[in-house]
C-alpha atoms as a PDB file:
ATOM      1  CA  MET A   1       0.000   0.000   0.000  1.00  0.00           C
ATOM      2  CA  PRO A   2       1.445   3.440  -0.916  1.00  0.00           C
ATOM      3  CA  GLU A   3       2.695   5.583   1.982  1.00  0.00           C
ATOM      4  CA  THR A   4       0.264   8.415   1.156  1.00  0.00           C
ATOM      5  CA  GLN A   5      -2.667   6.023   1.359  1.00  0.00           C
ATOM      6  CA  ILE A   6      -1.468   4.725   4.739  1.00  0.00           C
ATOM      7  CA  GLN A   7      -1.099   8.308   5.987  1.00  0.00           C
ATOM      8  CA  THR A   8      -4.617   9.174   4.785  1.00  0.00           C
ATOM      9  CA  GLN A   9      -6.072   6.117   6.498  1.00  0.00           C
ATOM     10  CA  THR A  10      -4.279   6.988   9.740  1.00  0.00           C
ATOM     11  CA  ARG A  11      -5.542  10.573   9.589  1.00  0.00           C
ATOM     12  CA  ASP A  12      -9.104   9.362   8.933  1.00  0.00           C
ATOM     13  CA  ARG A  13      -8.918   6.922  11.858  1.00  0.00           C
ATOM     14  CA  ILE A  14      -7.800   9.741  14.156  1.00  0.00           C
ATOM     15  CA  LEU A  15     -10.676  11.962  12.998  1.00  0.00           C
ATOM     16  CA  ASP A  16     -13.228   9.145  13.391  1.00  0.00           C
ATOM     17  CA  ALA A  17     -11.982   8.140  16.837  1.00  0.00           C
ATOM     18  CA  THR A  18     -11.965  11.744  18.012  1.00  0.00           C
ATOM     19  CA  SER A  19     -15.482  12.334  16.737  1.00  0.00           C
ATOM     20  CA  GLU A  20     -16.776   9.296  18.602  1.00  0.00           C
ATOM     21  CA  LEU A  21     -14.986  10.296  21.810  1.00  0.00           C
ATOM     22  CA  PHE A  22     -16.283  13.876  21.578  1.00  0.00           C
ATOM     23  CA  ARG A  23     -19.844  12.546  21.166  1.00  0.00           C
ATOM     24  CA  ARG A  24     -19.529  10.487  24.307  1.00  0.00           C
ATOM     25  CA  GLN A  25     -17.188  12.550  26.501  1.00  0.00           C
ATOM     26  CA  GLY A  26     -16.955  16.065  25.093  1.00  0.00           C
ATOM     27  CA  TYR A  27     -13.814  17.998  24.218  1.00  0.00           C
ATOM     28  CA  THR A  28     -12.381  18.477  27.700  1.00  0.00           C
ATOM     29  CA  GLY A  29     -13.042  14.880  28.727  1.00  0.00           C
ATOM     30  CA  THR A  30     -11.138  13.466  25.755  1.00  0.00           C
ATOM     31  CA  GLY A  31      -7.370  13.043  26.071  1.00  0.00           C
ATOM     32  CA  MET A  32      -4.766  12.802  23.332  1.00  0.00           C
ATOM     33  CA  LYS A  33      -3.515   9.384  24.486  1.00  0.00           C
ATOM     34  CA  GLN A  34      -7.078   8.107  24.432  1.00  0.00           C
ATOM     35  CA  ILE A  35      -7.529   9.405  20.874  1.00  0.00           C
ATOM     36  CA  VAL A  36      -4.465   7.617  19.473  1.00  0.00           C
ATOM     37  CA  ALA A  37      -5.338   4.441  21.373  1.00  0.00           C
ATOM     38  CA  ASN A  38      -8.867   4.411  19.947  1.00  0.00           C
ATOM     39  CA  ALA A  39      -7.531   5.244  16.480  1.00  0.00           C
ATOM     40  CA  ASN A  40      -4.880   2.509  16.725  1.00  0.00           C
ATOM     41  CA  ALA A  41      -2.313   5.096  15.619  1.00  0.00           C
ATOM     42  CA  PRO A  42       1.177   5.987  16.811  1.00  0.00           C
ATOM     43  CA  PHE A  43       1.231   9.030  19.075  1.00  0.00           C
ATOM     44  CA  GLY A  44       3.573  10.923  16.744  1.00  0.00           C
ATOM     45  CA  SER A  45       1.102  10.602  13.877  1.00  0.00           C
ATOM     46  CA  LEU A  46      -1.320  12.834  15.747  1.00  0.00           C
ATOM     47  CA  TYR A  47       1.061  15.793  15.658  1.00  0.00           C
ATOM     48  CA  HIS A  48       2.206  14.889  12.150  1.00  0.00           C
ATOM     49  CA  HIS A  49      -1.355  15.261  10.829  1.00  0.00           C
ATOM     50  CA  PHE A  50      -2.471  17.928  13.310  1.00  0.00           C
ATOM     51  CA  PRO A  51       0.552  20.107  14.155  1.00  0.00           C
ATOM     52  CA  GLY A  52      -1.763  22.510  16.001  1.00  0.00           C
ATOM     53  CA  GLY A  53      -2.495  19.722  18.493  1.00  0.00           C
ATOM     54  CA  LYS A  54      -5.832  19.049  20.107  1.00  0.00           C
ATOM     55  CA  GLU A  55      -7.272  22.435  19.161  1.00  0.00           C
ATOM     56  CA  GLN A  56      -6.631  21.934  15.429  1.00  0.00           C
ATOM     57  CA  LEU A  57      -7.888  18.355  15.634  1.00  0.00           C
ATOM     58  CA  GLY A  58     -10.973  19.542  17.510  1.00  0.00           C
ATOM     59  CA  ALA A  59     -11.797  22.204  14.923  1.00  0.00           C
ATOM     60  CA  GLU A  60     -11.451  19.731  12.058  1.00  0.00           C
ATOM     61  CA  VAL A  61     -13.570  17.140  13.846  1.00  0.00           C
ATOM     62  CA  ILE A  62     -16.251  19.726  14.602  1.00  0.00           C
ATOM     63  CA  ARG A  63     -16.476  20.778  10.944  1.00  0.00           C
ATOM     64  CA  ALA A  64     -16.364  17.212   9.587  1.00  0.00           C
ATOM     65  CA  SER A  65     -18.901  15.943  12.135  1.00  0.00           C
ATOM     66  CA  GLY A  66     -21.130  18.929  11.451  1.00  0.00           C
ATOM     67  CA  ALA A  67     -21.200  18.170   7.732  1.00  0.00           C
ATOM     68  CA  MET A  68     -21.834  14.469   8.381  1.00  0.00           C
ATOM     69  CA  TYR A  69     -24.693  15.126  10.805  1.00  0.00           C
ATOM     70  CA  PHE A  70     -26.278  17.630   8.440  1.00  0.00           C
ATOM     71  CA  ASP A  71     -26.160  15.118   5.570  1.00  0.00           C
ATOM     72  CA  LEU A  72     -27.674  12.457   7.834  1.00  0.00           C
ATOM     73  CA  VAL A  73     -30.534  14.664   9.017  1.00  0.00           C
ATOM     74  CA  MET A  74     -31.258  16.017   5.539  1.00  0.00           C
ATOM     75  CA  GLY A  75     -31.139  12.490   4.135  1.00  0.00           C
ATOM     76  CA  ILE A  76     -33.775  11.340   6.621  1.00  0.00           C
ATOM     77  CA  MET A  77     -35.967  14.400   6.097  1.00  0.00           C
ATOM     78  CA  SER A  78     -35.738  14.285   2.300  1.00  0.00           C
ATOM     79  CA  VAL A  79     -36.717  10.637   1.859  1.00  0.00           C
ATOM     80  CA  SER A  80     -40.384  11.265   2.684  1.00  0.00           C
ATOM     81  CA  GLY A  81     -40.916  13.945   0.053  1.00  0.00           C
ATOM     82  CA  ASP A  82     -42.975  16.195   2.317  1.00  0.00           C
ATOM     83  CA  PRO A  83     -41.663  18.380   5.133  1.00  0.00           C
ATOM     84  CA  VAL A  84     -44.131  17.306   7.819  1.00  0.00           C
ATOM     85  CA  THR A  85     -43.284  13.605   7.494  1.00  0.00           C
ATOM     86  CA  GLY A  86     -39.603  14.454   7.043  1.00  0.00           C
ATOM     87  CA  VAL A  87     -39.421  16.386  10.299  1.00  0.00           C
ATOM     88  CA  ARG A  88     -41.435  13.730  12.135  1.00  0.00           C
ATOM     89  CA  ASP A  89     -39.075  10.990  10.844  1.00  0.00           C
ATOM     90  CA  CYS A  90     -36.026  13.024  11.855  1.00  0.00           C
ATOM     91  CA  PHE A  91     -37.067  13.236  15.505  1.00  0.00           C
ATOM     92  CA  ALA A  92     -38.206   9.602  15.596  1.00  0.00           C
ATOM     93  CA  GLY A  93     -34.874   8.512  14.134  1.00  0.00           C
ATOM     94  CA  ALA A  94     -32.925  10.584  16.659  1.00  0.00           C
ATOM     95  CA  ALA A  95     -34.886   8.993  19.511  1.00  0.00           C
ATOM     96  CA  ALA A  96     -34.233   5.501  18.144  1.00  0.00           C
ATOM     97  CA  VAL A  97     -30.467   6.142  17.900  1.00  0.00           C
ATOM     98  CA  LEU A  98     -30.312   7.433  21.473  1.00  0.00           C
ATOM     99  CA  GLU A  99     -32.123   4.366  22.775  1.00  0.00           C
ATOM    100  CA  GLN A 100     -29.994   1.963  20.702  1.00  0.00           C
ATOM    101  CA  THR A 101     -26.749   3.522  21.967  1.00  0.00           C
ATOM    102  CA  ASP A 102     -27.879   3.761  25.601  1.00  0.00           C
ATOM    103  CA  TYR A 103     -28.011   7.568  25.295  1.00  0.00           C
ATOM    104  CA  ALA A 104     -24.308   7.836  24.438  1.00  0.00           C
ATOM    105  CA  ASP A 105     -24.418   8.856  20.759  1.00  0.00           C
ATOM    106  CA  ALA A 106     -25.877  12.307  20.417  1.00  0.00           C
ATOM    107  CA  CYS A 107     -24.523  15.064  18.205  1.00  0.00           C
ATOM    108  CA  PRO A 108     -21.162  16.340  19.515  1.00  0.00           C
ATOM    109  CA  ILE A 109     -21.490  19.892  18.184  1.00  0.00           C
ATOM    110  CA  ALA A 110     -23.770  21.319  20.879  1.00  0.00           C
ATOM    111  CA  THR A 111     -21.833  19.513  23.620  1.00  0.00           C
ATOM    112  CA  ILE A 112     -18.581  21.074  22.472  1.00  0.00           C
ATOM    113  CA  ALA A 113     -20.168  24.472  21.813  1.00  0.00           C
ATOM    114  CA  LEU A 114     -21.332  24.641  25.426  1.00  0.00           C
ATOM    115  CA  GLU A 115     -17.889  23.603  26.667  1.00  0.00           C
ATOM    116  CA  VAL A 116     -15.799  26.023  24.630  1.00  0.00           C
ATOM    117  CA  ALA A 117     -17.995  29.050  23.880  1.00  0.00           C
ATOM    118  CA  SER A 118     -16.350  31.199  26.548  1.00  0.00           C
ATOM    119  CA  THR A 119     -12.894  29.664  26.679  1.00  0.00           C
ATOM    120  CA  ASN A 120     -11.658  28.735  23.186  1.00  0.00           C
ATOM    121  CA  GLU A 121     -12.301  31.134  20.317  1.00  0.00           C
ATOM    122  CA  PRO A 122     -11.091  28.879  17.433  1.00  0.00           C
ATOM    123  CA  LEU A 123     -13.394  26.069  18.565  1.00  0.00           C
ATOM    124  CA  ARG A 124     -16.263  28.481  19.204  1.00  0.00           C
ATOM    125  CA  LEU A 125     -15.855  29.718  15.629  1.00  0.00           C
ATOM    126  CA  ALA A 126     -15.838  26.138  14.330  1.00  0.00           C
ATOM    127  CA  THR A 127     -19.116  25.368  16.114  1.00  0.00           C
ATOM    128  CA  ALA A 128     -20.597  28.678  14.932  1.00  0.00           C
ATOM    129  CA  ASP A 129     -19.648  27.831  11.340  1.00  0.00           C
ATOM    130  CA  VAL A 130     -21.346  24.456  11.659  1.00  0.00           C
ATOM    131  CA  PHE A 131     -24.526  25.905  13.152  1.00  0.00           C
ATOM    132  CA  GLU A 132     -24.712  28.600  10.471  1.00  0.00           C
ATOM    133  CA  SER A 133     -24.255  26.007   7.717  1.00  0.00           C
ATOM    134  CA  TRP A 134     -27.056  23.936   9.274  1.00  0.00           C
ATOM    135  CA  ILE A 135     -29.339  26.967   9.425  1.00  0.00           C
ATOM    136  CA  ASP A 136     -28.618  27.866   5.798  1.00  0.00           C
ATOM    137  CA  GLY A 137     -29.054  24.298   4.572  1.00  0.00           C
ATOM    138  CA  ALA A 138     -32.245  23.577   6.493  1.00  0.00           C
ATOM    139  CA  ALA A 139     -33.722  26.952   5.490  1.00  0.00           C
ATOM    140  CA  MET A 140     -33.031  26.127   1.850  1.00  0.00           C
ATOM    141  CA  TRP A 141     -34.764  22.769   2.327  1.00  0.00           C
ATOM    142  CA  PHE A 142     -37.853  24.445   3.813  1.00  0.00           C
ATOM    143  CA  ARG A 143     -37.852  27.017   0.996  1.00  0.00           C
ATOM    144  CA  GLY A 144     -37.807  24.128  -1.452  1.00  0.00           C
ATOM    145  CA  HIS A 145     -41.181  23.135  -0.005  1.00  0.00           C
ATOM    146  CA  GLY A 146     -42.715  26.526  -0.698  1.00  0.00           C
ATOM    147  CA  ILE A 147     -42.160  28.206   2.666  1.00  0.00           C
ATOM    148  CA  GLY A 148     -41.060  31.858   2.567  1.00  0.00           C
ATOM    149  CA  LYS A 149     -37.432  32.884   3.116  1.00  0.00           C
ATOM    150  CA  ARG A 150     -37.796  34.514   6.554  1.00  0.00           C
ATOM    151  CA  GLN A 151     -40.084  31.783   7.874  1.00  0.00           C
ATOM    152  CA  SER A 152     -37.751  29.091   6.500  1.00  0.00           C
ATOM    153  CA  ARG A 153     -34.805  30.524   8.414  1.00  0.00           C
ATOM    154  CA  ALA A 154     -36.877  30.705  11.597  1.00  0.00           C
ATOM    155  CA  LEU A 155     -37.965  27.073  11.122  1.00  0.00           C
ATOM    156  CA  ALA A 156     -34.355  26.021  10.537  1.00  0.00           C
ATOM    157  CA  ILE A 157     -33.262  27.668  13.782  1.00  0.00           C
ATOM    158  CA  GLN A 158     -36.212  26.134  15.616  1.00  0.00           C
ATOM    159  CA  LEU A 159     -35.320  22.705  14.210  1.00  0.00           C
ATOM    160  CA  ILE A 160     -31.748  22.919  15.495  1.00  0.00           C
ATOM    161  CA  ILE A 161     -32.787  24.280  18.882  1.00  0.00           C
ATOM    162  CA  SER A 162     -35.407  21.554  19.218  1.00  0.00           C
ATOM    163  CA  ILE A 163     -33.099  18.662  18.354  1.00  0.00           C
ATOM    164  CA  GLU A 164     -30.088  19.843  20.326  1.00  0.00           C
ATOM    165  CA  GLY A 165     -32.106  20.848  23.378  1.00  0.00           C
ATOM    166  CA  ALA A 166     -34.002  17.573  23.313  1.00  0.00           C
ATOM    167  CA  PHE A 167     -30.735  15.615  23.064  1.00  0.00           C
ATOM    168  CA  MET A 168     -29.515  17.276  26.253  1.00  0.00           C
ATOM    169  CA  LEU A 169     -32.697  16.450  28.190  1.00  0.00           C
ATOM    170  CA  CYS A 170     -32.898  12.908  26.829  1.00  0.00           C
ATOM    171  CA  ARG A 171     -29.331  12.118  27.821  1.00  0.00           C
ATOM    172  CA  ALA A 172     -29.800  13.550  31.307  1.00  0.00           C
ATOM    173  CA  LEU A 173     -33.207  11.958  31.923  1.00  0.00           C
ATOM    174  CA  ARG A 174     -32.381   8.686  30.104  1.00  0.00           C
ATOM    175  CA  ASN A 175     -35.610   8.681  28.137  1.00  0.00           C
ATOM    176  CA  THR A 176     -36.790  10.032  24.780  1.00  0.00           C
ATOM    177  CA  GLU A 177     -39.781  12.024  25.985  1.00  0.00           C
ATOM    178  CA  ALA A 178     -38.106  15.354  25.152  1.00  0.00           C
ATOM    179  CA  LEU A 179     -37.483  14.310  21.533  1.00  0.00           C
ATOM    180  CA  LYS A 180     -41.125  13.242  21.194  1.00  0.00           C
ATOM    181  CA  VAL A 181     -42.365  16.561  22.585  1.00  0.00           C
ATOM    182  CA  ALA A 182     -39.894  18.604  20.517  1.00  0.00           C
ATOM    183  CA  GLY A 183     -40.761  16.620  17.399  1.00  0.00           C
ATOM    184  CA  ALA A 184     -44.487  17.192  17.845  1.00  0.00           C
ATOM    185  CA  SER A 185     -43.902  20.914  18.371  1.00  0.00           C
ATOM    186  CA  MET A 186     -41.701  21.110  15.280  1.00  0.00           C
ATOM    187  CA  VAL A 187     -44.254  19.247  13.156  1.00  0.00           C
ATOM    188  CA  ALA A 188     -46.928  21.712  14.268  1.00  0.00           C
ATOM    189  CA  ALA A 189     -44.667  24.638  13.341  1.00  0.00           C
ATOM    190  CA  VAL A 190     -44.035  23.198   9.873  1.00  0.00           C
ATOM    191  CA  LYS A 191     -47.763  22.622   9.313  1.00  0.00           C
ATOM    192  CA  GLU A 192     -48.474  26.204  10.337  1.00  0.00           C
ATOM    193  CA  ALA A 193     -45.742  27.547   8.012  1.00  0.00           C
ATOM    194  CA  LEU A 194     -47.099  25.511   5.109  1.00  0.00           C
ATOM    195  CA  ALA A 195     -50.612  26.809   5.758  1.00  0.00           C
ATOM    196  CA  ASP A 196     -49.335  30.395   5.886  1.00  0.00           C
ATOM    197  CA  SER A 197     -47.469  29.928   2.637  1.00  0.00           C
ATOM    198  CA  ALA A 198     -50.511  28.436   0.922  1.00  0.00           C
END
């Protein structure tokens, strides 16, 4: 196997391991030794690929995870063909994943944003970039269903607030009631927006 391919695979393993650890433990709770152990990578490879250390690695993981989560959510919402069913399926799917993973696998972006918002400007900016890309993408999706521009942006923000807030409650309470309530509220908001647009 060519050296460049080996290096790429090592880098990808480090990113994947870090993303999983951030989801479960957050940024502060994840150590560098733990990352390389979970990635099955030599310690030196971490600084070879991420010379800026944990902060650079964290920013890259935040952006990569943000894009992956957005694609996942949009994929679920787009399958149905209509926004009401899409939003309903999104919240139901999130609840199912939490239950299947014993409440360990929620989105890492909000967890890290809360940790670093006041203490680490590069990571705060990375989380802000992710949230803004989610807002823009979800707003575009709502606009594609005939909802006006301003209302689409408001719905996109409400969607993110609802999912991320519900994740926090579900993980703390160890049940999915918050996702069910948030999902029902979001479905009602989408129905109302569609009626207004009609």
